[in-house]
């Protein structure tokens, strides 16, 4: 059993779309490599939307203060969820 400090991976799968979110890019890359060995996959880079939700990022030099916002497509940024 592996134990990671301050690390997580969330995998959201809907029909043929997959979204992978995590705190550690090396772990995300390792998971994508494992999946691509078993499944035909395309990596389209950072997600901008999924299932009618817009995803925006406020990235900073200090990764601990980076923010991600998820908003319904037709709504102003004031009605978004910050994760």
Protein backbone atom coordinates (compact mmCIF):
# COMPACT_ATOMS: atom_id res chain seq x y z
CA UNK A 1 0.00 0.00 0.00
CA UNK A 2 1.33 3.42 -0.98
CA UNK A 3 0.84 6.45 1.22
CA UNK A 4 1.25 9.96 -0.15
CA UNK A 5 1.50 13.08 1.95
CA UNK A 6 -0.63 15.98 0.67
CA UNK A 7 -1.54 14.07 -2.47
CA UNK A 8 -4.82 13.01 -4.00
CA UNK A 9 -6.23 12.05 -7.39
CA UNK A 10 -9.87 12.48 -8.40
CA UNK A 11 -10.98 10.66 -11.52
CA UNK A 12 -14.34 11.65 -13.04
CA UNK A 13 -15.61 9.39 -15.82
CA UNK A 14 -18.73 9.99 -17.93
CA UNK A 15 -19.34 7.73 -20.94
CA UNK A 16 -16.15 8.36 -22.98
CA UNK A 17 -14.90 11.50 -21.21
CA UNK A 18 -12.43 11.39 -18.34
CA UNK A 19 -11.24 14.19 -16.09
CA UNK A 20 -8.26 13.62 -13.80
CA UNK A 21 -7.61 16.12 -11.00
CA UNK A 22 -4.84 15.87 -8.45
CA UNK A 23 -2.37 17.65 -6.23
CA UNK A 24 0.73 15.97 -7.67
CA UNK A 25 1.40 16.16 -11.42
CA UNK A 26 3.87 13.25 -11.29
CA UNK A 27 1.14 11.01 -9.85
CA UNK A 28 -1.34 12.19 -12.49
CA UNK A 29 1.19 11.42 -15.25
CA UNK A 30 1.84 7.98 -13.75
CA UNK A 31 -1.91 7.22 -13.72
CA UNK A 32 -2.30 8.40 -17.34
CA UNK A 33 0.62 6.15 -18.37
CA UNK A 34 -1.01 3.17 -16.66
CA UNK A 35 -4.36 3.82 -18.34
CA UNK A 36 -2.83 4.40 -21.78
CA UNK A 37 -1.14 1.00 -21.53
CA UNK A 38 -4.56 -0.63 -21.29
CA UNK A 39 -6.89 1.74 -23.15
CA UNK A 40 -6.80 3.92 -26.24
CA UNK A 41 -6.61 7.48 -24.91
CA UNK A 42 -6.15 11.04 -26.10
CA UNK A 43 -4.83 13.74 -23.79
CA UNK A 44 -6.37 17.11 -24.63
CA UNK A 45 -4.46 19.00 -21.94
CA UNK A 46 -6.04 21.17 -19.27
CA UNK A 47 -9.83 20.96 -19.21
CA UNK A 48 -11.76 24.11 -20.02
CA UNK A 49 -15.22 22.56 -19.66
CA UNK A 50 -16.93 19.28 -18.83
CA UNK A 51 -20.63 18.37 -18.70
CA UNK A 52 -21.77 21.96 -19.26
CA UNK A 53 -19.48 23.39 -16.59
CA UNK A 54 -16.74 25.92 -17.32
CA UNK A 55 -13.41 25.41 -15.54
CA UNK A 56 -11.09 28.36 -14.97
CA UNK A 57 -7.83 28.59 -13.07
CA UNK A 58 -6.08 31.37 -11.24
CA UNK A 59 -2.53 30.04 -11.21
CA UNK A 60 0.20 31.72 -9.25
CA UNK A 61 3.89 31.10 -8.78
CA UNK A 62 3.10 29.75 -5.32
CA UNK A 63 1.06 26.60 -6.07
CA UNK A 64 -0.45 26.65 -2.57
CA UNK A 65 -2.40 29.81 -3.45
CA UNK A 66 -3.59 28.64 -6.89
CA UNK A 67 -7.37 28.49 -7.27
CA UNK A 68 -9.80 26.59 -9.49
CA UNK A 69 -13.33 27.82 -10.25
CA UNK A 70 -16.18 25.73 -11.68
CA UNK A 71 -19.13 27.63 -13.17
CA UNK A 72 -22.24 26.79 -15.16
CA UNK A 73 -21.54 27.78 -18.80
CA UNK A 74 -24.00 30.68 -18.99
CA UNK A 75 -23.40 32.29 -15.60
CA UNK A 76 -21.17 35.10 -14.40
CA UNK A 77 -18.07 34.32 -12.34
CA UNK A 78 -19.90 35.47 -9.20
CA UNK A 79 -21.96 32.26 -9.20
CA UNK A 80 -19.00 29.87 -9.39
CA UNK A 81 -17.70 27.28 -6.96
CA UNK A 82 -14.12 27.70 -5.76
CA UNK A 83 -12.30 24.42 -5.16
